[in-house]
N, C-alpha and C. Protein backbone atom coordinates (compact mmCIF):
# COMPACT_ATOMS: atom_id res chain seq x y z
N UNK A 1 114.97 92.22 74.41
CA UNK A 1 114.61 93.16 75.45
C UNK A 1 115.59 94.35 75.43
N UNK A 2 115.07 95.56 75.53
CA UNK A 2 115.95 96.74 75.55
C UNK A 2 116.85 96.72 76.80
N UNK A 3 118.01 97.29 76.66
CA UNK A 3 118.94 97.39 77.78
C UNK A 3 118.73 98.72 78.49
N UNK A 4 118.15 98.67 79.67
CA UNK A 4 117.95 99.88 80.46
C UNK A 4 119.08 100.01 81.47
N UNK A 5 119.50 101.24 81.73
CA UNK A 5 120.52 101.49 82.74
C UNK A 5 119.81 101.61 84.09
N UNK A 6 119.63 100.45 84.72
CA UNK A 6 118.86 100.38 85.96
C UNK A 6 119.51 101.21 87.07
N UNK A 7 120.83 101.22 87.12
CA UNK A 7 121.51 102.02 88.15
C UNK A 7 121.20 103.50 87.99
N UNK A 8 121.20 103.98 86.76
CA UNK A 8 120.88 105.40 86.50
C UNK A 8 119.43 105.70 86.86
N UNK A 9 118.53 104.80 86.51
CA UNK A 9 117.11 105.00 86.85
C UNK A 9 116.93 105.01 88.36
N UNK A 10 117.60 104.10 89.05
CA UNK A 10 117.52 104.06 90.53
C UNK A 10 118.06 105.34 91.14
N UNK A 11 119.17 105.85 90.58
CA UNK A 11 119.74 107.10 91.07
C UNK A 11 118.73 108.24 90.91
N UNK A 12 118.11 108.32 89.75
CA UNK A 12 117.11 109.36 89.51
C UNK A 12 115.91 109.22 90.44
N UNK A 13 115.46 107.99 90.65
CA UNK A 13 114.34 107.76 91.56
C UNK A 13 114.73 108.19 92.98
N UNK A 14 115.97 107.93 93.37
CA UNK A 14 116.44 108.37 94.69
C UNK A 14 116.40 109.88 94.83
N UNK A 15 116.83 110.58 93.78
CA UNK A 15 116.80 112.06 93.80
C UNK A 15 115.36 112.56 93.85
N UNK A 16 114.49 111.93 93.07
CA UNK A 16 113.08 112.30 93.08
C UNK A 16 112.50 112.09 94.46
N UNK A 17 112.76 110.93 95.05
CA UNK A 17 112.22 110.63 96.38
C UNK A 17 112.73 111.60 97.44
N UNK A 18 113.99 112.00 97.35
CA UNK A 18 114.52 112.99 98.30
C UNK A 18 113.77 114.31 98.18
N UNK A 19 113.51 114.73 96.94
CA UNK A 19 112.75 115.97 96.73
C UNK A 19 111.31 115.81 97.21
N UNK A 20 110.71 114.67 96.94
CA UNK A 20 109.33 114.44 97.38
C UNK A 20 109.22 114.45 98.91
N UNK A 21 110.25 113.96 99.57
CA UNK A 21 110.24 113.99 101.04
C UNK A 21 110.20 115.43 101.55
N UNK A 22 111.04 116.27 100.98
CA UNK A 22 111.05 117.69 101.38
C UNK A 22 109.72 118.35 101.04
N UNK A 23 109.19 118.03 99.86
CA UNK A 23 107.91 118.62 99.45
C UNK A 23 106.77 118.18 100.36
N UNK A 24 106.82 116.94 100.82
CA UNK A 24 105.75 116.47 101.71
C UNK A 24 105.80 117.19 103.05
N UNK A 25 106.99 117.57 103.49
CA UNK A 25 107.09 118.36 104.73
C UNK A 25 106.46 119.73 104.55
N UNK A 26 106.66 120.33 103.39
CA UNK A 26 106.07 121.64 103.12
C UNK A 26 104.56 121.52 102.93
N UNK A 27 104.13 120.41 102.35
CA UNK A 27 102.69 120.19 102.13
C UNK A 27 101.94 120.05 103.45
N UNK A 28 102.64 119.62 104.50
CA UNK A 28 102.00 119.43 105.80
C UNK A 28 101.70 120.75 106.49
N UNK A 29 102.28 121.84 106.01
CA UNK A 29 102.05 123.15 106.61
C UNK A 29 100.67 123.68 106.23
N UNK A 30 100.13 124.50 107.09
CA UNK A 30 98.90 125.21 106.74
C UNK A 30 99.23 126.18 105.60
N UNK A 31 98.25 126.47 104.77
CA UNK A 31 98.49 127.32 103.60
C UNK A 31 99.07 128.67 104.00
N UNK A 32 98.51 129.29 105.01
CA UNK A 32 98.97 130.62 105.44
C UNK A 32 100.43 130.55 105.90
N UNK A 33 100.75 129.52 106.65
CA UNK A 33 102.13 129.35 107.14
C UNK A 33 103.09 129.13 105.96
N UNK A 34 102.68 128.32 105.01
CA UNK A 34 103.51 128.05 103.84
C UNK A 34 103.75 129.33 103.04
N UNK A 35 102.67 130.05 102.74
CA UNK A 35 102.77 131.24 101.90
C UNK A 35 103.52 132.38 102.55
N UNK A 36 103.57 132.40 103.87
CA UNK A 36 104.27 133.48 104.57
C UNK A 36 105.76 133.19 104.74
N UNK A 37 106.21 132.01 104.32
CA UNK A 37 107.60 131.62 104.49
C UNK A 37 108.25 131.48 103.10
N UNK A 38 108.93 132.53 102.67
CA UNK A 38 109.51 132.54 101.32
C UNK A 38 110.56 131.43 101.14
N UNK A 39 111.26 131.05 102.21
CA UNK A 39 112.23 129.98 102.09
C UNK A 39 111.55 128.65 101.75
N UNK A 40 110.41 128.38 102.37
CA UNK A 40 109.67 127.14 102.09
C UNK A 40 109.09 127.16 100.67
N UNK A 41 108.59 128.32 100.26
CA UNK A 41 108.05 128.45 98.90
C UNK A 41 109.16 128.24 97.88
N UNK A 42 110.29 128.91 98.08
CA UNK A 42 111.41 128.78 97.15
C UNK A 42 111.96 127.36 97.13
N UNK A 43 112.08 126.75 98.29
CA UNK A 43 112.54 125.37 98.37
C UNK A 43 111.58 124.44 97.64
N UNK A 44 110.30 124.69 97.78
CA UNK A 44 109.30 123.86 97.09
C UNK A 44 109.42 123.99 95.59
N UNK A 45 109.62 125.20 95.12
CA UNK A 45 109.78 125.40 93.67
C UNK A 45 111.00 124.63 93.17
N UNK A 46 112.10 124.75 93.88
CA UNK A 46 113.32 124.04 93.47
C UNK A 46 113.11 122.53 93.49
N UNK A 47 112.52 122.02 94.56
CA UNK A 47 112.33 120.58 94.67
C UNK A 47 111.31 120.04 93.67
N UNK A 48 110.35 120.86 93.28
CA UNK A 48 109.45 120.47 92.20
C UNK A 48 110.22 120.34 90.90
N UNK A 49 111.11 121.29 90.63
CA UNK A 49 111.93 121.22 89.42
C UNK A 49 112.77 119.94 89.43
N UNK A 50 113.42 119.65 90.55
CA UNK A 50 114.27 118.46 90.64
C UNK A 50 113.44 117.19 90.41
N UNK A 51 112.28 117.10 91.05
CA UNK A 51 111.44 115.90 90.91
C UNK A 51 110.93 115.74 89.48
N UNK A 52 110.48 116.83 88.90
CA UNK A 52 109.94 116.76 87.54
C UNK A 52 111.05 116.48 86.53
N UNK A 53 112.20 117.12 86.70
CA UNK A 53 113.34 116.85 85.81
C UNK A 53 113.74 115.38 85.89
N UNK A 54 113.75 114.83 87.09
CA UNK A 54 114.08 113.41 87.24
C UNK A 54 113.09 112.53 86.51
N UNK A 55 111.81 112.86 86.62
CA UNK A 55 110.77 112.09 85.92
C UNK A 55 110.97 112.18 84.41
N UNK A 56 111.30 113.36 83.93
CA UNK A 56 111.54 113.55 82.49
C UNK A 56 112.78 112.79 82.04
N UNK A 57 113.84 112.82 82.85
CA UNK A 57 115.07 112.09 82.50
C UNK A 57 114.80 110.59 82.40
N UNK A 58 114.02 110.06 83.34
CA UNK A 58 113.67 108.64 83.29
C UNK A 58 112.87 108.36 82.03
N UNK A 59 111.92 109.22 81.75
CA UNK A 59 111.09 109.07 80.56
C UNK A 59 111.95 109.01 79.30
N UNK A 60 112.85 109.97 79.16
CA UNK A 60 113.71 110.02 77.97
C UNK A 60 114.56 108.76 77.85
N UNK A 61 115.06 108.25 78.97
CA UNK A 61 115.88 107.05 78.95
C UNK A 61 115.06 105.85 78.47
N UNK A 62 113.87 105.68 79.04
CA UNK A 62 113.04 104.53 78.65
C UNK A 62 112.65 104.63 77.19
N UNK A 63 112.23 105.81 76.76
CA UNK A 63 111.81 105.99 75.37
C UNK A 63 112.97 105.70 74.42
N UNK A 64 114.15 106.19 74.73
CA UNK A 64 115.31 105.97 73.86
C UNK A 64 115.66 104.49 73.78
N UNK A 65 115.59 103.80 74.90
CA UNK A 65 115.99 102.40 74.93
C UNK A 65 114.89 101.45 74.43
N UNK A 66 113.62 101.87 74.59
CA UNK A 66 112.51 101.00 74.19
C UNK A 66 112.15 101.17 72.72
N UNK A 67 112.81 102.08 72.04
CA UNK A 67 112.59 102.23 70.62
C UNK A 67 111.42 103.11 70.24
N UNK A 68 111.00 103.97 71.15
CA UNK A 68 109.95 104.92 70.81
C UNK A 68 110.49 106.02 69.92
N UNK A 69 109.58 106.77 69.32
CA UNK A 69 109.99 107.89 68.49
C UNK A 69 110.64 108.98 69.35
N UNK A 70 111.36 109.87 68.74
CA UNK A 70 112.00 110.97 69.48
C UNK A 70 110.93 111.97 69.93
N UNK A 71 110.95 112.36 71.21
CA UNK A 71 109.95 113.31 71.69
C UNK A 71 110.19 114.71 71.12
N UNK A 72 109.11 115.43 70.88
CA UNK A 72 109.18 116.82 70.42
C UNK A 72 109.53 117.77 71.55
N UNK A 73 109.14 117.43 72.76
CA UNK A 73 109.41 118.25 73.94
C UNK A 73 109.24 117.37 75.18
N UNK A 74 109.38 117.97 76.35
CA UNK A 74 109.30 117.19 77.59
C UNK A 74 107.93 116.53 77.74
N UNK A 75 106.87 117.26 77.47
CA UNK A 75 105.52 116.72 77.61
C UNK A 75 105.30 115.55 76.66
N UNK A 76 105.83 115.65 75.45
CA UNK A 76 105.65 114.62 74.44
C UNK A 76 106.31 113.31 74.85
N UNK A 77 107.32 113.37 75.66
CA UNK A 77 107.97 112.14 76.12
C UNK A 77 106.97 111.26 76.85
N UNK A 78 106.12 111.87 77.67
CA UNK A 78 105.12 111.09 78.40
C UNK A 78 104.06 110.53 77.45
N UNK A 79 103.77 111.27 76.38
CA UNK A 79 102.85 110.77 75.35
C UNK A 79 103.42 109.48 74.75
N UNK A 80 104.71 109.48 74.51
CA UNK A 80 105.36 108.30 73.93
C UNK A 80 105.28 107.13 74.90
N UNK A 81 105.43 107.38 76.19
CA UNK A 81 105.28 106.28 77.16
C UNK A 81 103.87 105.71 77.09
N UNK A 82 102.90 106.55 76.80
CA UNK A 82 101.54 106.07 76.59
C UNK A 82 101.47 105.21 75.33
N UNK A 83 102.11 105.66 74.27
CA UNK A 83 102.14 104.91 73.01
C UNK A 83 102.81 103.55 73.19
N UNK A 84 103.77 103.48 74.10
CA UNK A 84 104.47 102.22 74.40
C UNK A 84 103.73 101.38 75.44
N UNK A 85 102.53 101.83 75.83
CA UNK A 85 101.69 101.14 76.82
C UNK A 85 102.33 101.03 78.20
N UNK A 86 103.17 102.02 78.52
CA UNK A 86 103.74 102.08 79.86
C UNK A 86 102.77 102.83 80.78
N UNK A 87 102.08 103.83 80.23
CA UNK A 87 101.17 104.68 81.00
C UNK A 87 99.81 104.74 80.32
N UNK A 88 98.76 104.94 81.12
CA UNK A 88 97.41 105.10 80.58
C UNK A 88 97.25 106.51 80.01
N UNK A 89 96.28 106.67 79.13
CA UNK A 89 96.05 107.96 78.47
C UNK A 89 95.73 109.06 79.48
N UNK A 90 94.89 108.77 80.46
CA UNK A 90 94.52 109.77 81.46
C UNK A 90 95.73 110.21 82.28
N UNK A 91 96.57 109.26 82.62
CA UNK A 91 97.76 109.57 83.41
C UNK A 91 98.75 110.38 82.57
N UNK A 92 98.85 110.07 81.30
CA UNK A 92 99.72 110.82 80.39
C UNK A 92 99.32 112.29 80.40
N UNK A 93 98.03 112.58 80.37
CA UNK A 93 97.56 113.97 80.37
C UNK A 93 98.01 114.71 81.63
N UNK A 94 97.96 114.06 82.77
CA UNK A 94 98.40 114.69 84.02
C UNK A 94 99.91 114.94 83.99
N UNK A 95 100.67 114.00 83.45
CA UNK A 95 102.12 114.17 83.39
C UNK A 95 102.51 115.23 82.37
N UNK A 96 101.75 115.36 81.30
CA UNK A 96 102.01 116.44 80.34
C UNK A 96 101.86 117.80 81.03
N UNK A 97 100.83 117.94 81.85
CA UNK A 97 100.63 119.20 82.59
C UNK A 97 101.81 119.46 83.52
N UNK A 98 102.29 118.37 84.15
CA UNK A 98 103.43 118.49 85.05
C UNK A 98 104.66 119.00 84.29
N UNK A 99 104.92 118.44 83.11
CA UNK A 99 106.08 118.86 82.32
C UNK A 99 105.94 120.32 81.89
N UNK A 100 104.74 120.72 81.53
CA UNK A 100 104.51 122.11 81.13
C UNK A 100 104.67 123.05 82.32
N UNK A 101 104.27 122.60 83.50
CA UNK A 101 104.46 123.41 84.70
C UNK A 101 105.94 123.56 85.01
N UNK A 102 106.72 122.53 84.77
CA UNK A 102 108.17 122.61 84.94
C UNK A 102 108.74 123.71 84.06
N UNK A 103 108.26 123.81 82.82
CA UNK A 103 108.73 124.86 81.92
C UNK A 103 108.40 126.23 82.48
N UNK A 104 107.22 126.37 83.04
CA UNK A 104 106.81 127.63 83.66
C UNK A 104 107.73 127.96 84.83
N UNK A 105 108.00 126.98 85.69
CA UNK A 105 108.88 127.20 86.84
C UNK A 105 110.28 127.63 86.41
N UNK A 106 110.79 127.03 85.35
CA UNK A 106 112.16 127.29 84.92
C UNK A 106 112.27 128.56 84.09
N UNK A 107 111.35 128.76 83.18
CA UNK A 107 111.50 129.84 82.20
C UNK A 107 110.67 131.08 82.48
N UNK A 108 109.56 130.93 83.16
CA UNK A 108 108.67 132.07 83.45
C UNK A 108 108.32 132.10 84.94
N UNK A 109 109.34 131.88 85.76
CA UNK A 109 109.15 131.71 87.20
C UNK A 109 108.41 132.88 87.85
N UNK A 110 108.54 134.07 87.33
CA UNK A 110 107.89 135.23 87.91
C UNK A 110 106.37 135.19 87.73
N UNK A 111 105.90 134.30 86.84
CA UNK A 111 104.46 134.17 86.61
C UNK A 111 103.81 133.11 87.50
N UNK A 112 104.62 132.38 88.25
CA UNK A 112 104.10 131.30 89.09
C UNK A 112 103.50 131.88 90.36
N UNK A 113 102.25 131.54 90.60
CA UNK A 113 101.54 131.97 91.81
C UNK A 113 101.90 131.01 92.94
N UNK A 114 102.34 131.55 94.06
CA UNK A 114 102.73 130.70 95.19
C UNK A 114 101.57 129.85 95.69
N UNK A 115 100.35 130.35 95.56
CA UNK A 115 99.18 129.54 95.95
C UNK A 115 99.06 128.31 95.07
N UNK A 116 99.45 128.45 93.80
CA UNK A 116 99.42 127.30 92.90
C UNK A 116 100.44 126.24 93.35
N UNK A 117 101.59 126.69 93.80
CA UNK A 117 102.59 125.76 94.33
C UNK A 117 101.99 124.98 95.50
N UNK A 118 101.34 125.69 96.41
CA UNK A 118 100.73 125.03 97.56
C UNK A 118 99.68 124.01 97.11
N UNK A 119 98.86 124.38 96.15
CA UNK A 119 97.83 123.46 95.66
C UNK A 119 98.45 122.22 95.01
N UNK A 120 99.54 122.40 94.30
CA UNK A 120 100.25 121.26 93.70
C UNK A 120 100.77 120.34 94.80
N UNK A 121 101.30 120.92 95.86
CA UNK A 121 101.79 120.10 96.97
C UNK A 121 100.67 119.31 97.62
N UNK A 122 99.48 119.87 97.63
CA UNK A 122 98.35 119.21 98.27
C UNK A 122 97.76 118.09 97.41
N UNK A 123 97.79 118.25 96.09
CA UNK A 123 97.06 117.32 95.22
C UNK A 123 97.94 116.59 94.21
N UNK A 124 98.68 117.35 93.45
CA UNK A 124 99.31 116.79 92.25
C UNK A 124 100.63 116.07 92.49
N UNK A 125 101.23 116.28 93.62
CA UNK A 125 102.54 115.68 93.87
C UNK A 125 102.46 114.15 93.89
N UNK A 126 101.28 113.62 94.18
CA UNK A 126 101.11 112.17 94.19
C UNK A 126 101.29 111.57 92.80
N UNK A 127 101.11 112.38 91.75
CA UNK A 127 101.33 111.88 90.39
C UNK A 127 102.77 111.43 90.19
N UNK A 128 103.70 112.11 90.82
CA UNK A 128 105.11 111.72 90.66
C UNK A 128 105.36 110.38 91.35
N UNK A 129 104.76 110.19 92.51
CA UNK A 129 104.89 108.89 93.20
C UNK A 129 104.28 107.77 92.36
N UNK A 130 103.12 108.05 91.76
CA UNK A 130 102.46 107.08 90.90
C UNK A 130 103.32 106.78 89.66
N UNK A 131 103.94 107.80 89.13
CA UNK A 131 104.82 107.62 87.97
C UNK A 131 105.98 106.68 88.31
N UNK A 132 106.61 106.89 89.45
CA UNK A 132 107.71 106.01 89.87
C UNK A 132 107.21 104.57 89.99
N UNK A 133 106.04 104.41 90.54
CA UNK A 133 105.45 103.06 90.67
C UNK A 133 105.26 102.43 89.30
N UNK A 134 104.73 103.19 88.35
CA UNK A 134 104.50 102.67 86.99
C UNK A 134 105.82 102.33 86.30
N UNK A 135 106.83 103.15 86.49
CA UNK A 135 108.15 102.87 85.90
C UNK A 135 108.71 101.58 86.47
N UNK A 136 108.63 101.42 87.78
CA UNK A 136 109.12 100.19 88.42
C UNK A 136 108.37 98.96 87.90
N UNK A 137 107.04 99.07 87.76
CA UNK A 137 106.25 97.95 87.23
C UNK A 137 106.68 97.62 85.80
N UNK A 138 106.89 98.64 84.99
CA UNK A 138 107.32 98.43 83.61
C UNK A 138 108.67 97.71 83.57
N UNK A 139 109.61 98.18 84.37
CA UNK A 139 110.95 97.58 84.37
C UNK A 139 110.91 96.13 84.87
N UNK A 140 110.07 95.87 85.88
CA UNK A 140 109.94 94.50 86.37
C UNK A 140 109.35 93.59 85.30
N UNK A 141 108.37 94.11 84.57
CA UNK A 141 107.77 93.33 83.47
C UNK A 141 108.79 93.06 82.38
N UNK A 142 109.68 94.03 82.12
CA UNK A 142 110.71 93.84 81.10
C UNK A 142 111.69 92.75 81.51
N UNK A 143 112.00 92.70 82.80
CA UNK A 143 112.93 91.67 83.30
C UNK A 143 112.35 90.28 83.16
N UNK A 144 111.02 90.17 83.21
CA UNK A 144 110.37 88.86 83.13
C UNK A 144 110.17 88.39 81.69
N UNK A 145 110.38 89.29 80.73
CA UNK A 145 110.22 88.93 79.31
C UNK A 145 111.34 88.01 78.90
N UNK A 146 111.02 86.96 78.14
CA UNK A 146 112.12 86.10 77.64
C UNK A 146 112.96 86.90 76.65
N UNK A 147 114.23 86.74 76.73
CA UNK A 147 114.98 87.57 75.85
C UNK A 147 116.25 87.06 75.39
């Protein structure tokens, strides 16, 4: 059985959950209220970066320890988790989009439409919660493997 740094993964999940909590507060706002408050928009962008980066860091750790191939980029890391049967193909596609959106937020931030941020808060943020659930299930299954 691969040796995973469970403490590091838990730390990352804690950081992700803290960001998701803040994002859920912003998601509860009406669209007009959200879009008219630049502090909430900016905070949402930052917390999306933190949550997505945490998901990518967990992905890289699992892939490195589970013996998957080296990822070509952040999105490819999730593809490898699919190859390792940690994630379903459909879910991998959603996470690839998330990783690519992170690149947009970090490198081409001026191209990000604030309405898109609001829509992500309304719909897509649940993918990160689902990802954490899948990671936890995978790690629990690894602990039960004879080794």
